């Protein structure tokens, strides 16, 4: 979640178009998932609430810890170890500027 929070802190408060451009050119892998969430939030705002996409901005966004996936990994001498792959939950609110 910390790697995602770094990107979310950078785009919080930006307009929809600015955030899209910023996420496209940021060098972080977390940007792809955040981009999907941003597209979804904008589509929900347009279809469910009739908001204009050009007036949208990111009002609130945060990332919480998700489920921890445990995978076995082979180690030396025939032993095994557990690799923990953390997940995350990204939440994003968009509002319309007046």
PDB file of N, CA and C in Angstrom:
ATOM      1  N   UNK A   1       0.790  -1.212   0.000  1.00  0.00           N
ATOM      2  CA  UNK A   1       0.000   0.000   0.000  1.00  0.00           C
ATOM      3  C   UNK A   1       0.834   1.279   0.000  1.00  0.00           C
ATOM      4  N   UNK A   2       2.046   1.228   0.545  1.00  0.00           N
ATOM      5  CA  UNK A   2       2.850   2.449   0.600  1.00  0.00           C
ATOM      6  C   UNK A   2       3.251   2.932  -0.783  1.00  0.00           C
ATOM      7  N   UNK A   3       3.505   2.008  -1.708  1.00  0.00           N
ATOM      8  CA  UNK A   3       3.890   2.407  -3.060  1.00  0.00           C
ATOM      9  C   UNK A   3       2.712   3.043  -3.791  1.00  0.00           C
ATOM     10  N   UNK A   4       1.499   2.591  -3.472  1.00  0.00           N
ATOM     11  CA  UNK A   4       0.305   3.161  -4.083  1.00  0.00           C
ATOM     12  C   UNK A   4      -0.005   4.521  -3.458  1.00  0.00           C
ATOM     13  N   UNK A   5       0.185   4.620  -2.143  1.00  0.00           N
ATOM     14  CA  UNK A   5      -0.100   5.887  -1.453  1.00  0.00           C
ATOM     15  C   UNK A   5       0.776   7.023  -1.965  1.00  0.00           C
ATOM     16  N   UNK A   6       2.010   6.693  -2.341  1.00  0.00           N
ATOM     17  CA  UNK A   6       2.922   7.716  -2.880  1.00  0.00           C
ATOM     18  C   UNK A   6       2.326   8.353  -4.128  1.00  0.00           C
ATOM     19  N   UNK A   7       1.724   7.551  -5.003  1.00  0.00           N
ATOM     20  CA  UNK A   7       1.125   8.080  -6.229  1.00  0.00           C
ATOM     21  C   UNK A   7      -0.181   8.808  -5.916  1.00  0.00           C
ATOM     22  N   UNK A   8      -0.989   8.253  -5.006  1.00  0.00           N
ATOM     23  CA  UNK A   8      -2.262   8.889  -4.665  1.00  0.00           C
ATOM     24  C   UNK A   8      -2.049  10.267  -4.041  1.00  0.00           C
ATOM     25  N   UNK A   9      -1.010  10.409  -3.222  1.00  0.00           N
ATOM     26  CA  UNK A   9      -0.717  11.720  -2.625  1.00  0.00           C
ATOM     27  C   UNK A   9      -0.350  12.740  -3.697  1.00  0.00           C
ATOM     28  N   UNK A  10       0.262  12.274  -4.780  1.00  0.00           N
ATOM     29  CA  UNK A  10       0.668  13.186  -5.851  1.00  0.00           C
ATOM     30  C   UNK A  10      -0.523  13.683  -6.666  1.00  0.00           C
ATOM     31  N   UNK A  11      -1.559  12.848  -6.838  1.00  0.00           N
ATOM     32  CA  UNK A  11      -2.672  13.243  -7.713  1.00  0.00           C
ATOM     33  C   UNK A  11      -3.879  13.769  -6.952  1.00  0.00           C
ATOM     34  N   UNK A  12      -3.874  13.695  -5.626  1.00  0.00           N
ATOM     35  CA  UNK A  12      -5.020  14.164  -4.838  1.00  0.00           C
ATOM     36  C   UNK A  12      -5.251  15.660  -5.084  1.00  0.00           C
ATOM     37  N   UNK A  13      -6.500  16.035  -5.410  1.00  0.00           N
ATOM     38  CA  UNK A  13      -6.842  17.429  -5.662  1.00  0.00           C
ATOM     39  C   UNK A  13      -6.717  17.846  -7.120  1.00  0.00           C
ATOM     40  N   UNK A  14      -6.124  17.013  -7.968  1.00  0.00           N
ATOM     41  CA  UNK A  14      -5.972  17.355  -9.392  1.00  0.00           C
ATOM     42  C   UNK A  14      -7.302  17.188 -10.111  1.00  0.00           C
ATOM     43  N   UNK A  15      -7.429  17.867 -11.233  1.00  0.00           N
ATOM     44  CA  UNK A  15      -8.598  17.655 -12.077  1.00  0.00           C
ATOM     45  C   UNK A  15      -8.460  16.304 -12.787  1.00  0.00           C
ATOM     46  N   UNK A  16      -9.550  15.845 -13.374  1.00  0.00           N
ATOM     47  CA  UNK A  16      -9.565  14.525 -14.016  1.00  0.00           C
ATOM     48  C   UNK A  16      -8.536  14.443 -15.142  1.00  0.00           C
ATOM     49  N   UNK A  17      -8.497  15.463 -16.017  1.00  0.00           N
ATOM     50  CA  UNK A  17      -7.561  15.436 -17.144  1.00  0.00           C
ATOM     51  C   UNK A  17      -6.111  15.533 -16.680  1.00  0.00           C
ATOM     52  N   UNK A  18      -5.846  16.390 -15.688  1.00  0.00           N
ATOM     53  CA  UNK A  18      -4.482  16.515 -15.162  1.00  0.00           C
ATOM     54  C   UNK A  18      -4.006  15.194 -14.559  1.00  0.00           C
ATOM     55  N   UNK A  19      -4.892  14.537 -13.820  1.00  0.00           N
ATOM     56  CA  UNK A  19      -4.529  13.268 -13.198  1.00  0.00           C
ATOM     57  C   UNK A  19      -4.252  12.194 -14.237  1.00  0.00           C
ATOM     58  N   UNK A  20      -5.037  12.174 -15.311  1.00  0.00           N
ATOM     59  CA  UNK A  20      -4.792  11.204 -16.384  1.00  0.00           C
ATOM     60  C   UNK A  20      -3.409  11.409 -16.996  1.00  0.00           C
ATOM     61  N   UNK A  21      -3.066  12.654 -17.290  1.00  0.00           N
ATOM     62  CA  UNK A  21      -1.752  12.935 -17.886  1.00  0.00           C
ATOM     63  C   UNK A  21      -0.630  12.606 -16.913  1.00  0.00           C
ATOM     64  N   UNK A  22      -0.815  12.962 -15.636  1.00  0.00           N
ATOM     65  CA  UNK A  22       0.226  12.695 -14.647  1.00  0.00           C
ATOM     66  C   UNK A  22       0.462  11.198 -14.482  1.00  0.00           C
ATOM     67  N   UNK A  23      -0.627  10.430 -14.439  1.00  0.00           N
ATOM     68  CA  UNK A  23      -0.487   8.978 -14.262  1.00  0.00           C
ATOM     69  C   UNK A  23       0.140   8.306 -15.483  1.00  0.00           C
ATOM     70  N   UNK A  24      -0.140   8.848 -16.664  1.00  0.00           N
ATOM     71  CA  UNK A  24       0.444   8.261 -17.881  1.00  0.00           C
ATOM     72  C   UNK A  24       1.962   8.365 -17.886  1.00  0.00           C
ATOM     73  N   UNK A  25       2.505   9.443 -17.322  1.00  0.00           N
ATOM     74  CA  UNK A  25       3.940   9.682 -17.438  1.00  0.00           C
ATOM     75  C   UNK A  25       4.718   9.421 -16.151  1.00  0.00           C
ATOM     76  N   UNK A  26       4.042   8.988 -15.087  1.00  0.00           N
ATOM     77  CA  UNK A  26       4.766   8.621 -13.865  1.00  0.00           C
ATOM     78  C   UNK A  26       5.429   7.257 -14.068  1.00  0.00           C
ATOM     79  N   UNK A  27       6.628   7.052 -13.516  1.00  0.00           N
ATOM     80  CA  UNK A  27       7.362   5.805 -13.775  1.00  0.00           C
ATOM     81  C   UNK A  27       7.012   4.654 -12.830  1.00  0.00           C
ATOM     82  N   UNK A  28       5.910   4.743 -12.089  1.00  0.00           N
ATOM     83  CA  UNK A  28       5.604   3.721 -11.090  1.00  0.00           C
ATOM     84  C   UNK A  28       4.627   2.690 -11.623  1.00  0.00           C
ATOM     85  N   UNK A  29       4.789   1.444 -11.158  1.00  0.00           N
ATOM     86  CA  UNK A  29       3.931   0.360 -11.613  1.00  0.00           C
ATOM     87  C   UNK A  29       2.521   0.473 -11.041  1.00  0.00           C
ATOM     88  N   UNK A  30       2.379   1.149  -9.917  1.00  0.00           N
ATOM     89  CA  UNK A  30       1.070   1.305  -9.282  1.00  0.00           C
ATOM     90  C   UNK A  30       0.141   2.201 -10.097  1.00  0.00           C
ATOM     91  N   UNK A  31       0.696   2.970 -11.026  1.00  0.00           N
ATOM     92  CA  UNK A  31      -0.115   3.903 -11.817  1.00  0.00           C
ATOM     93  C   UNK A  31      -1.162   3.193 -12.664  1.00  0.00           C
ATOM     94  N   UNK A  32      -0.867   1.978 -13.118  1.00  0.00           N
ATOM     95  CA  UNK A  32      -1.823   1.250 -13.952  1.00  0.00           C
ATOM     96  C   UNK A  32      -3.112   0.944 -13.185  1.00  0.00           C
ATOM     97  N   UNK A  33      -2.973   0.460 -11.952  1.00  0.00           N
ATOM     98  CA  UNK A  33      -4.153   0.149 -11.154  1.00  0.00           C
ATOM     99  C   UNK A  33      -4.924   1.410 -10.776  1.00  0.00           C
ATOM    100  N   UNK A  34      -4.200   2.475 -10.453  1.00  0.00           N
ATOM    101  CA  UNK A  34      -4.858   3.731 -10.084  1.00  0.00           C
ATOM    102  C   UNK A  34      -5.582   4.322 -11.282  1.00  0.00           C
ATOM    103  N   UNK A  35      -5.010   4.152 -12.474  1.00  0.00           N
ATOM    104  CA  UNK A  35      -5.652   4.632 -13.700  1.00  0.00           C
ATOM    105  C   UNK A  35      -6.985   3.921 -13.925  1.00  0.00           C
ATOM    106  N   UNK A  36      -7.028   2.621 -13.682  1.00  0.00           N
ATOM    107  CA  UNK A  36      -8.278   1.865 -13.821  1.00  0.00           C
ATOM    108  C   UNK A  36      -9.338   2.374 -12.851  1.00  0.00           C
ATOM    109  N   UNK A  37      -8.918   2.640 -11.620  1.00  0.00           N
ATOM    110  CA  UNK A  37      -9.859   3.138 -10.613  1.00  0.00           C
ATOM    111  C   UNK A  37     -10.366   4.528 -11.003  1.00  0.00           C
ATOM    112  N   UNK A  38      -9.474   5.368 -11.526  1.00  0.00           N
ATOM    113  CA  UNK A  38      -9.871   6.722 -11.928  1.00  0.00           C
ATOM    114  C   UNK A  38     -10.854   6.687 -13.095  1.00  0.00           C
ATOM    115  N   UNK A  39     -10.592   5.831 -14.098  1.00  0.00           N
ATOM    116  CA  UNK A  39     -11.532   5.680 -15.209  1.00  0.00           C
ATOM    117  C   UNK A  39     -12.903   5.229 -14.707  1.00  0.00           C
ATOM    118  N   UNK A  40     -12.896   4.268 -13.788  1.00  0.00           N
ATOM    119  CA  UNK A  40     -14.147   3.735 -13.255  1.00  0.00           C
ATOM    120  C   UNK A  40     -14.911   4.796 -12.464  1.00  0.00           C
ATOM    121  N   UNK A  41     -14.194   5.565 -11.640  1.00  0.00           N
ATOM    122  CA  UNK A  41     -14.849   6.606 -10.843  1.00  0.00           C
ATOM    123  C   UNK A  41     -15.466   7.680 -11.744  1.00  0.00           C
ATOM    124  N   UNK A  42     -14.756   8.046 -12.807  1.00  0.00           N
ATOM    125  CA  UNK A  42     -15.286   9.057 -13.725  1.00  0.00           C
ATOM    126  C   UNK A  42     -16.500   8.523 -14.491  1.00  0.00           C
ATOM    127  N   UNK A  43     -16.444   7.258 -14.896  1.00  0.00           N
ATOM    128  CA  UNK A  43     -17.583   6.666 -15.610  1.00  0.00           C
ATOM    129  C   UNK A  43     -18.798   6.562 -14.692  1.00  0.00           C
ATOM    130  N   UNK A  44     -18.589   6.196 -13.434  1.00  0.00           N
ATOM    131  CA  UNK A  44     -19.702   6.129 -12.484  1.00  0.00           C
ATOM    132  C   UNK A  44     -20.300   7.505 -12.237  1.00  0.00           C
ATOM    133  N   UNK A  45     -19.447   8.518 -12.133  1.00  0.00           N
ATOM    134  CA  UNK A  45     -19.950   9.876 -11.908  1.00  0.00           C
ATOM    135  C   UNK A  45     -20.787  10.354 -13.092  1.00  0.00           C
ATOM    136  N   UNK A  46     -20.348  10.001 -14.294  1.00  0.00           N
ATOM    137  CA  UNK A  46     -21.077  10.446 -15.487  1.00  0.00           C
ATOM    138  C   UNK A  46     -22.393   9.685 -15.649  1.00  0.00           C
ATOM    139  N   UNK A  47     -22.348   8.364 -15.533  1.00  0.00           N
ATOM    140  CA  UNK A  47     -23.534   7.554 -15.810  1.00  0.00           C
ATOM    141  C   UNK A  47     -24.546   7.558 -14.661  1.00  0.00           C
ATOM    142  N   UNK A  48     -24.068   7.530 -13.426  1.00  0.00           N
ATOM    143  CA  UNK A  48     -24.991   7.423 -12.299  1.00  0.00           C
ATOM    144  C   UNK A  48     -25.462   8.775 -11.772  1.00  0.00           C
ATOM    145  N   UNK A  49     -24.619   9.810 -11.883  1.00  0.00           N
ATOM    146  CA  UNK A  49     -24.962  11.097 -11.299  1.00  0.00           C
ATOM    147  C   UNK A  49     -25.047  12.224 -12.325  1.00  0.00           C
ATOM    148  N   UNK A  50     -24.781  11.943 -13.594  1.00  0.00           N
ATOM    149  CA  UNK A  50     -24.911  12.949 -14.642  1.00  0.00           C
ATOM    150  C   UNK A  50     -23.895  14.071 -14.566  1.00  0.00           C
ATOM    151  N   UNK A  51     -22.732  13.807 -14.002  1.00  0.00           N
ATOM    152  CA  UNK A  51     -21.701  14.839 -13.894  1.00  0.00           C
ATOM    153  C   UNK A  51     -20.934  14.968 -15.204  1.00  0.00           C
ATOM    154  N   UNK A  52     -20.325  16.135 -15.405  1.00  0.00           N
ATOM    155  CA  UNK A  52     -19.547  16.408 -16.602  1.00  0.00           C
ATOM    156  C   UNK A  52     -18.089  16.007 -16.340  1.00  0.00           C
ATOM    157  N   UNK A  53     -17.512  15.167 -17.208  1.00  0.00           N
ATOM    158  CA  UNK A  53     -16.155  14.669 -16.977  1.00  0.00           C
ATOM    159  C   UNK A  53     -15.108  15.772 -16.995  1.00  0.00           C
ATOM    160  N   UNK A  54     -15.343  16.825 -17.750  1.00  0.00           N
ATOM    161  CA  UNK A  54     -14.343  17.889 -17.834  1.00  0.00           C
ATOM    162  C   UNK A  54     -14.285  18.740 -16.563  1.00  0.00           C
ATOM    163  N   UNK A  55     -15.329  18.664 -15.724  1.00  0.00           N
ATOM    164  CA  UNK A  55     -15.346  19.441 -14.487  1.00  0.00           C
ATOM    165  C   UNK A  55     -14.958  18.624 -13.256  1.00  0.00           C
ATOM    166  N   UNK A  56     -14.665  17.348 -13.433  1.00  0.00           N
ATOM    167  CA  UNK A  56     -14.379  16.478 -12.293  1.00  0.00           C
ATOM    168  C   UNK A  56     -12.989  16.732 -11.718  1.00  0.00           C
ATOM    169  N   UNK A  57     -12.857  16.534 -10.412  1.00  0.00           N
ATOM    170  CA  UNK A  57     -11.547  16.540  -9.760  1.00  0.00           C
ATOM    171  C   UNK A  57     -11.550  15.467  -8.675  1.00  0.00           C
ATOM    172  N   UNK A  58     -10.367  15.045  -8.257  1.00  0.00           N
ATOM    173  CA  UNK A  58     -10.236  13.991  -7.253  1.00  0.00           C
ATOM    174  C   UNK A  58     -10.341  14.642  -5.879  1.00  0.00           C
ATOM    175  N   UNK A  59     -11.445  14.397  -5.192  1.00  0.00           N
ATOM    176  CA  UNK A  59     -11.646  15.030  -3.892  1.00  0.00           C
ATOM    177  C   UNK A  59     -11.015  14.227  -2.767  1.00  0.00           C
ATOM    178  N   UNK A  60     -11.198  12.923  -2.787  1.00  0.00           N
ATOM    179  CA  UNK A  60     -10.616  12.056  -1.757  1.00  0.00           C
ATOM    180  C   UNK A  60     -10.108  10.787  -2.409  1.00  0.00           C
ATOM    181  N   UNK A  61      -8.964  10.301  -1.940  1.00  0.00           N
ATOM    182  CA  UNK A  61      -8.462   9.014  -2.399  1.00  0.00           C
ATOM    183  C   UNK A  61      -7.532   8.441  -1.341  1.00  0.00           C
ATOM    184  N   UNK A  62      -7.622   7.138  -1.139  1.00  0.00           N
ATOM    185  CA  UNK A  62      -6.747   6.490  -0.178  1.00  0.00           C
ATOM    186  C   UNK A  62      -6.582   5.024  -0.547  1.00  0.00           C
ATOM    187  N   UNK A  63      -5.633   4.387   0.118  1.00  0.00           N
ATOM    188  CA  UNK A  63      -5.337   2.986  -0.124  1.00  0.00           C
ATOM    189  C   UNK A  63      -5.251   2.264   1.215  1.00  0.00           C
ATOM    190  N   UNK A  64      -5.979   1.172   1.337  1.00  0.00           N
ATOM    191  CA  UNK A  64      -5.937   0.349   2.540  1.00  0.00           C
ATOM    192  C   UNK A  64      -5.339  -1.012   2.205  1.00  0.00           C
ATOM    193  N   UNK A  65      -4.904  -1.709   3.242  1.00  0.00           N
ATOM    194  CA  UNK A  65      -4.343  -3.038   3.026  1.00  0.00           C
ATOM    195  C   UNK A  65      -5.446  -4.018   2.651  1.00  0.00           C
ATOM    196  N   UNK A  66      -5.132  -4.887   1.708  1.00  0.00           N
ATOM    197  CA  UNK A  66      -6.073  -5.903   1.287  1.00  0.00           C
ATOM    198  C   UNK A  66      -5.668  -7.260   1.816  1.00  0.00           C
ATOM    199  N   UNK A  67      -6.130  -8.292   1.138  1.00  0.00           N
ATOM    200  CA  UNK A  67      -5.855  -9.657   1.556  1.00  0.00           C
ATOM    201  C   UNK A  67      -4.399 -10.019   1.291  1.00  0.00           C
ATOM    202  N   UNK A  68      -3.813 -10.804   2.184  1.00  0.00           N
ATOM    203  CA  UNK A  68      -2.437 -11.265   2.052  1.00  0.00           C
ATOM    204  C   UNK A  68      -2.467 -12.650   1.433  1.00  0.00           C
ATOM    205  N   UNK A  69      -1.882 -12.813   0.258  1.00  0.00           N
ATOM    206  CA  UNK A  69      -1.831 -14.107  -0.417  1.00  0.00           C
ATOM    207  C   UNK A  69      -0.506 -14.770  -0.083  1.00  0.00           C
ATOM    208  N   UNK A  70      -0.563 -15.991   0.431  1.00  0.00           N
ATOM    209  CA  UNK A  70       0.649 -16.706   0.823  1.00  0.00           C
ATOM    210  C   UNK A  70       0.960 -17.781  -0.210  1.00  0.00           C
ATOM    211  N   UNK A  71       2.169 -17.751  -0.744  1.00  0.00           N
ATOM    212  CA  UNK A  71       2.596 -18.704  -1.765  1.00  0.00           C
ATOM    213  C   UNK A  71       3.835 -19.440  -1.285  1.00  0.00           C
ATOM    214  N   UNK A  72       3.903 -20.755  -1.471  1.00  0.00           N
ATOM    215  CA  UNK A  72       5.116 -21.481  -1.065  1.00  0.00           C
ATOM    216  C   UNK A  72       6.261 -21.252  -2.054  1.00  0.00           C
ATOM    217  N   UNK A  73       7.476 -21.188  -1.511  1.00  0.00           N
ATOM    218  CA  UNK A  73       8.671 -20.981  -2.322  1.00  0.00           C
ATOM    219  C   UNK A  73       9.681 -22.041  -1.931  1.00  0.00           C
ATOM    220  N   UNK A  74      10.309 -22.686  -2.910  1.00  0.00           N
ATOM    221  CA  UNK A  74      11.315 -23.704  -2.639  1.00  0.00           C
ATOM    222  C   UNK A  74      12.600 -23.056  -2.130  1.00  0.00           C
ATOM    223  N   UNK A  75      13.178 -23.647  -1.088  1.00  0.00           N
ATOM    224  CA  UNK A  75      14.427 -23.160  -0.521  1.00  0.00           C
ATOM    225  C   UNK A  75      15.465 -24.288  -0.548  1.00  0.00           C
ATOM    226  N   UNK A  76      16.625 -24.026   0.002  1.00  0.00           N
ATOM    227  CA  UNK A  76      17.704 -25.000  -0.001  1.00  0.00           C
ATOM    228  C   UNK A  76      17.385 -26.192   0.888  1.00  0.00           C
ATOM    229  N   UNK A  77      18.012 -27.315   0.604  1.00  0.00           N
ATOM    230  CA  UNK A  77      17.904 -28.563   1.368  1.00  0.00           C
ATOM    231  C   UNK A  77      16.499 -29.120   1.397  1.00  0.00           C
ATOM    232  N   UNK A  78      15.719 -28.881   0.365  1.00  0.00           N
ATOM    233  CA  UNK A  78      14.384 -29.447   0.265  1.00  0.00           C
ATOM    234  C   UNK A  78      13.341 -28.791   1.159  1.00  0.00           C
ATOM    235  N   UNK A  79      13.659 -27.676   1.722  1.00  0.00           N
ATOM    236  CA  UNK A  79      12.706 -26.984   2.587  1.00  0.00           C
ATOM    237  C   UNK A  79      11.858 -26.021   1.768  1.00  0.00           C
ATOM    238  N   UNK A  80      10.831 -25.512   2.397  1.00  0.00           N
ATOM    239  CA  UNK A  80      10.007 -24.516   1.712  1.00  0.00           C
ATOM    240  C   UNK A  80       9.835 -23.305   2.630  1.00  0.00           C
ATOM    241  N   UNK A  81       9.504 -22.210   2.016  1.00  0.00           N
ATOM    242  CA  UNK A  81       9.286 -20.966   2.729  1.00  0.00           C
ATOM    243  C   UNK A  81       7.993 -20.360   2.201  1.00  0.00           C
ATOM    244  N   UNK A  82       7.523 -19.321   2.827  1.00  0.00           N
ATOM    245  CA  UNK A  82       6.278 -18.680   2.400  1.00  0.00           C
ATOM    246  C   UNK A  82       6.589 -17.283   1.898  1.00  0.00           C
ATOM    247  N   UNK A  83       6.131 -16.984   0.686  1.00  0.00           N
ATOM    248  CA  UNK A  83       6.238 -15.631   0.145  1.00  0.00           C
ATOM    249  C   UNK A  83       4.881 -14.975   0.317  1.00  0.00           C
ATOM    250  N   UNK A  84       4.888 -13.815   0.952  1.00  0.00           N
ATOM    251  CA  UNK A  84       3.647 -13.089   1.212  1.00  0.00           C
ATOM    252  C   UNK A  84       3.467 -12.012   0.153  1.00  0.00           C
ATOM    253  N   UNK A  85       2.347 -12.086  -0.561  1.00  0.00           N
ATOM    254  CA  UNK A  85       2.047 -11.109  -1.612  1.00  0.00           C
ATOM    255  C   UNK A  85       0.879 -10.247  -1.137  1.00  0.00           C
ATOM    256  N   UNK A  86       1.164  -9.018  -0.673  1.00  0.00           N
ATOM    257  CA  UNK A  86       0.084  -8.189  -0.145  1.00  0.00           C
ATOM    258  C   UNK A  86      -0.765  -7.576  -1.259  1.00  0.00           C
ATOM    259  N   UNK A  87      -2.044  -7.476  -0.979  1.00  0.00           N
ATOM    260  CA  UNK A  87      -2.962  -6.804  -1.885  1.00  0.00           C
ATOM    261  C   UNK A  87      -3.351  -5.457  -1.301  1.00  0.00           C
ATOM    262  N   UNK A  88      -4.153  -4.686  -2.040  1.00  0.00           N
ATOM    263  CA  UNK A  88      -4.590  -3.400  -1.523  1.00  0.00           C
ATOM    264  C   UNK A  88      -5.961  -3.041  -2.073  1.00  0.00           C
ATOM    265  N   UNK A  89      -6.625  -2.140  -1.372  1.00  0.00           N
ATOM    266  CA  UNK A  89      -7.930  -1.627  -1.776  1.00  0.00           C
ATOM    267  C   UNK A  89      -7.780  -0.133  -2.030  1.00  0.00           C
ATOM    268  N   UNK A  90      -8.014   0.288  -3.271  1.00  0.00           N
ATOM    269  CA  UNK A  90      -7.898   1.699  -3.641  1.00  0.00           C
ATOM    270  C   UNK A  90      -9.299   2.299  -3.697  1.00  0.00           C
ATOM    271  N   UNK A  91      -9.496   3.397  -2.989  1.00  0.00           N
ATOM    272  CA  UNK A  91     -10.784   4.084  -2.964  1.00  0.00           C
ATOM    273  C   UNK A  91     -10.581   5.505  -3.479  1.00  0.00           C
ATOM    274  N   UNK A  92     -11.479   5.950  -4.370  1.00  0.00           N
ATOM    275  CA  UNK A  92     -11.328   7.273  -4.963  1.00  0.00           C
ATOM    276  C   UNK A  92     -12.697   7.934  -5.091  1.00  0.00           C
ATOM    277  N   UNK A  93     -12.792   9.168  -4.621  1.00  0.00           N
ATOM    278  CA  UNK A  93     -14.008   9.972  -4.754  1.00  0.00           C
ATOM    279  C   UNK A  93     -13.713  11.126  -5.718  1.00  0.00           C
ATOM    280  N   UNK A  94     -14.632  11.353  -6.650  1.00  0.00           N
ATOM    281  CA  UNK A  94     -14.506  12.502  -7.547  1.00  0.00           C
ATOM    282  C   UNK A  94     -15.714  13.415  -7.336  1.00  0.00           C
ATOM    283  N   UNK A  95     -15.485  14.709  -7.472  1.00  0.00           N
ATOM    284  CA  UNK A  95     -16.545  15.710  -7.366  1.00  0.00           C
ATOM    285  C   UNK A  95     -16.461  16.648  -8.554  1.00  0.00           C
ATOM    286  N   UNK A  96     -17.513  17.430  -8.730  1.00  0.00           N
ATOM    287  CA  UNK A  96     -17.565  18.388  -9.811  1.00  0.00           C
ATOM    288  C   UNK A  96     -17.187  19.773  -9.289  1.00  0.00           C
ATOM    289  N   UNK A  97     -16.304  20.447  -9.988  1.00  0.00           N
ATOM    290  CA  UNK A  97     -15.941  21.826  -9.604  1.00  0.00           C
ATOM    291  C   UNK A  97     -17.061  22.761 -10.029  1.00  0.00           C
ATOM    292  N   UNK A  98     -17.294  23.758  -9.226  1.00  0.00           N
ATOM    293  CA  UNK A  98     -18.344  24.733  -9.544  1.00  0.00           C
ATOM    294  C   UNK A  98     -17.826  25.804 -10.475  1.00  0.00           C
TER     295      UNK A  98
END
